[in-house]
Amino acid sequence: DCHAFVADLGVLVPLRWQGADGAAESWAVRYAAVAAMAAHHINHRVNSLVPKAQELLPPDFQVVVDIRDSAAQPTVAVGHAVDWNEQGKHAIVGSYRSAVTGPTALAASIAGTPVIAWGASASSLSDRSTYPTLSRTNIHDGVTADRTIRWIKAMGWTRIAVIAVDDAWGRAFMR
């Protein structure tokens, strides 16, 4: 007797995060829609968004996504992670900000829940002893800063000006 395997995922998207002009970030809404569409395409083996889904996935494999608004706030995201730990989610996807991902990954690690961050770039998140269940789909700021310095040197520039946001991300990048 064969039962379907369902990947039950929590997805964090900063839907209430506002940009500098006070407008909601439309890219966050698009990310939420893409997560829902990807699950639909996997579940129905539609190859246009998930190429080769039909041939690569077992016929009984399904994905369920519980998309929630992190509001780009650690306390909101941690609340969702705690809920998802209790529900036994297989993994958490998100968050975009390092300041949200770190606390979320700590909360998720209590239950051993993997966190796959798609935008968090703080170098500190690479510490496996602190964040044992965290993985990222992007490089961390240390690599970005190193490559930027190499590029500046390759251009032969001897003087540059750097403008950065005055928060943990901007200050870390400046170092």
Protein backbone atom coordinates (compact mmCIF):
# COMPACT_ATOMS: atom_id res chain seq x y z
CA ASP A 1 0.00 0.00 0.00
CA CYS A 2 1.59 3.15 -1.33
CA HIS A 3 0.95 6.58 0.17
CA ALA A 4 1.76 9.89 -1.44
CA PHE A 5 4.73 11.77 -0.07
CA VAL A 6 3.71 15.34 0.70
CA ALA A 7 6.42 17.96 1.20
CA ASP A 8 4.73 20.29 3.68
CA LEU A 9 6.53 23.65 3.48
CA GLY A 10 6.19 26.93 5.31
CA VAL A 11 7.04 29.94 3.16
CA LEU A 12 7.90 33.35 4.60
CA VAL A 13 7.42 36.41 2.42
CA PRO A 14 7.58 40.04 3.64
CA LEU A 15 4.20 41.09 2.25
CA ARG A 16 3.81 44.08 4.57
CA TRP A 17 7.36 45.34 4.09
CA GLN A 18 7.28 48.88 2.83
CA GLY A 19 9.90 50.49 0.64
CA ALA A 20 11.49 53.88 1.20
CA ASP A 21 8.56 55.56 -0.55
CA GLY A 22 6.06 53.91 1.80
CA ALA A 23 4.65 51.64 -0.91
CA ALA A 24 4.31 47.92 -0.38
CA GLU A 25 7.01 45.94 -2.15
CA SER A 26 5.32 44.36 -5.18
CA TRP A 27 8.16 41.86 -5.64
CA ALA A 28 7.14 40.18 -2.36
CA VAL A 29 3.63 39.58 -3.68
CA ARG A 30 5.15 38.12 -6.85
CA TYR A 31 7.38 35.78 -4.79
CA ALA A 32 4.34 34.53 -2.89
CA ALA A 33 2.50 33.95 -6.16
CA VAL A 34 5.52 32.13 -7.62
CA ALA A 35 5.70 29.82 -4.58
CA ALA A 36 2.02 28.94 -4.95
CA MET A 37 2.37 28.48 -8.71
CA ALA A 38 5.47 26.28 -8.33
CA ALA A 39 3.59 24.00 -5.92
CA HIS A 40 0.66 23.83 -8.34
CA HIS A 41 2.96 23.01 -11.26
CA ILE A 42 4.78 20.31 -9.29
CA ASN A 43 1.53 18.77 -8.08
CA HIS A 44 0.03 18.73 -11.57
CA ARG A 45 3.33 17.95 -13.35
CA VAL A 46 3.15 21.07 -15.50
CA ASN A 47 6.56 21.41 -17.10
CA SER A 48 6.42 25.10 -18.04
CA LEU A 49 7.58 26.40 -14.63
CA VAL A 50 9.21 23.25 -13.25
CA PRO A 51 10.95 21.67 -16.25
CA LYS A 52 11.05 17.88 -16.30
CA ALA A 53 8.81 17.67 -13.20
CA GLN A 54 6.96 14.72 -14.67
CA GLU A 55 10.09 12.65 -15.31
CA LEU A 56 12.10 13.67 -12.23
CA LEU A 57 9.51 13.43 -9.47
CA PRO A 58 7.92 10.25 -8.17
CA PRO A 59 4.29 10.02 -9.29
CA ASP A 60 3.05 10.23 -5.69
CA PHE A 61 5.08 13.34 -4.73
CA GLN A 62 3.08 16.47 -3.81
CA VAL A 63 3.97 19.88 -2.37
CA VAL A 64 1.85 21.89 0.06
CA VAL A 65 2.86 25.49 0.79
CA ASP A 66 1.66 27.53 3.73
CA ILE A 67 2.58 31.08 2.68
CA ARG A 68 2.70 33.60 5.50
CA ASP A 69 3.61 37.25 5.82
CA SER A 70 6.77 37.86 7.86
CA ALA A 71 6.16 41.63 7.67
CA ALA A 72 10.00 41.72 7.49
CA GLN A 73 9.93 41.45 11.29
CA PRO A 74 11.82 38.81 13.31
CA THR A 75 9.11 38.43 15.96
CA VAL A 76 6.41 37.80 13.35
CA ALA A 77 8.55 35.25 11.48
CA VAL A 78 9.59 33.44 14.67
CA GLY A 79 5.91 33.11 15.61
CA HIS A 80 5.27 31.40 12.28
CA ALA A 81 8.33 29.15 12.74
CA VAL A 82 7.08 28.06 16.16
CA ASP A 83 3.65 27.29 14.68
CA TRP A 84 5.25 25.34 11.85
CA ASN A 85 7.46 23.41 14.29
CA GLU A 86 4.30 22.33 16.12
CA GLN A 87 2.63 21.37 12.82
CA GLY A 88 5.64 19.29 11.75
CA LYS A 89 6.45 21.19 8.55
CA HIS A 90 9.22 19.52 6.55
CA ALA A 91 11.04 22.80 5.87
CA ILE A 92 10.72 26.58 5.94
CA VAL A 93 11.54 28.66 2.88
CA GLY A 94 12.59 32.25 3.68
CA SER A 95 13.06 34.82 4.82
CA TYR A 96 14.47 37.52 2.60
CA ARG A 97 16.20 39.61 5.31
CA SER A 98 19.13 38.34 7.38
CA ALA A 99 17.68 40.05 10.45
CA VAL A 100 14.58 37.86 10.07
CA THR A 101 16.30 34.68 8.87
CA GLY A 102 18.66 34.37 11.86
CA PRO A 103 15.94 34.29 14.56
CA THR A 104 13.69 32.16 12.33
CA ALA A 105 16.48 29.60 11.82
CA LEU A 106 17.15 29.48 15.57
CA ALA A 107 13.47 28.82 16.28
CA ALA A 108 13.26 26.19 13.52
CA SER A 109 16.41 24.42 14.71
CA ILE A 110 14.68 23.57 18.01
CA ALA A 111 12.59 21.05 16.08
CA GLY A 112 15.35 20.28 13.57
CA THR A 113 13.38 21.94 10.78
CA PRO A 114 15.49 22.93 7.78
CA VAL A 115 15.37 26.56 6.69
CA ILE A 116 16.18 27.48 3.10
CA ALA A 117 16.85 31.21 2.91
CA TRP A 118 16.51 32.85 -0.48
CA GLY A 119 17.77 36.33 0.28
CA ALA A 120 19.57 36.43 3.62
CA SER A 121 23.18 37.35 3.03
CA ALA A 122 24.77 38.08 6.42
CA SER A 123 28.08 36.26 6.79
CA SER A 124 27.20 35.39 10.39
CA LEU A 125 24.47 33.05 9.12
CA SER A 126 27.20 30.72 7.79
CA ASP A 127 28.00 29.62 11.36
CA ARG A 128 26.78 25.99 11.37
CA SER A 129 27.13 25.69 15.16
CA THR A 130 24.60 28.50 15.61
CA TYR A 131 22.39 27.77 12.59
CA PRO A 132 22.63 23.99 12.07
CA THR A 133 19.52 23.67 9.89
CA LEU A 134 20.01 26.79 7.74
CA SER A 135 20.93 26.68 4.05
CA ARG A 136 20.99 29.52 1.56
CA THR A 137 20.46 29.83 -2.16
CA ASN A 138 22.67 32.91 -2.40
CA ILE A 139 26.21 33.91 -1.44
CA HIS A 140 26.93 35.74 1.80
CA ASP A 141 28.05 39.36 2.12
CA GLY A 142 31.68 38.43 2.75
CA VAL A 143 31.91 36.91 -0.72
CA THR A 144 30.09 39.87 -2.29
CA ALA A 145 32.40 42.35 -0.56
CA ASP A 146 35.49 40.39 -1.60
CA ARG A 147 34.37 40.26 -5.24
CA THR A 148 33.53 43.97 -5.18
CA ILE A 149 37.02 44.81 -3.90
CA ARG A 150 38.61 42.59 -6.56
CA TRP A 151 36.54 44.33 -9.24
CA ILE A 152 37.53 47.80 -7.98
CA LYS A 153 41.22 46.80 -8.06
CA ALA A 154 40.85 45.25 -11.52
CA MET A 155 39.39 48.55 -12.75
CA GLY A 156 42.53 50.30 -11.45
CA TRP A 157 40.56 52.65 -9.25
CA THR A 158 42.46 54.11 -6.29
CA ARG A 159 39.65 56.19 -4.81
CA ILE A 160 35.99 55.26 -4.40
CA ALA A 161 33.01 56.44 -2.40
CA VAL A 162 30.63 53.96 -0.80
CA ILE A 163 27.07 54.72 0.18
CA ALA A 164 25.37 52.13 2.39
CA VAL A 165 22.28 51.94 4.52
CA ASP A 166 22.98 52.49 8.24
CA ASP A 167 21.87 49.13 9.61
CA ALA A 168 23.53 45.82 10.47
CA TRP A 169 23.65 44.78 6.81
CA GLY A 170 25.18 48.06 5.58
CA ARG A 171 27.71 48.27 8.41
CA ALA A 172 28.81 44.65 7.91
CA PHE A 173 29.23 45.21 4.19
CA MET A 174 31.34 48.33 4.85
CA ARG A 175 33.74 46.34 7.05
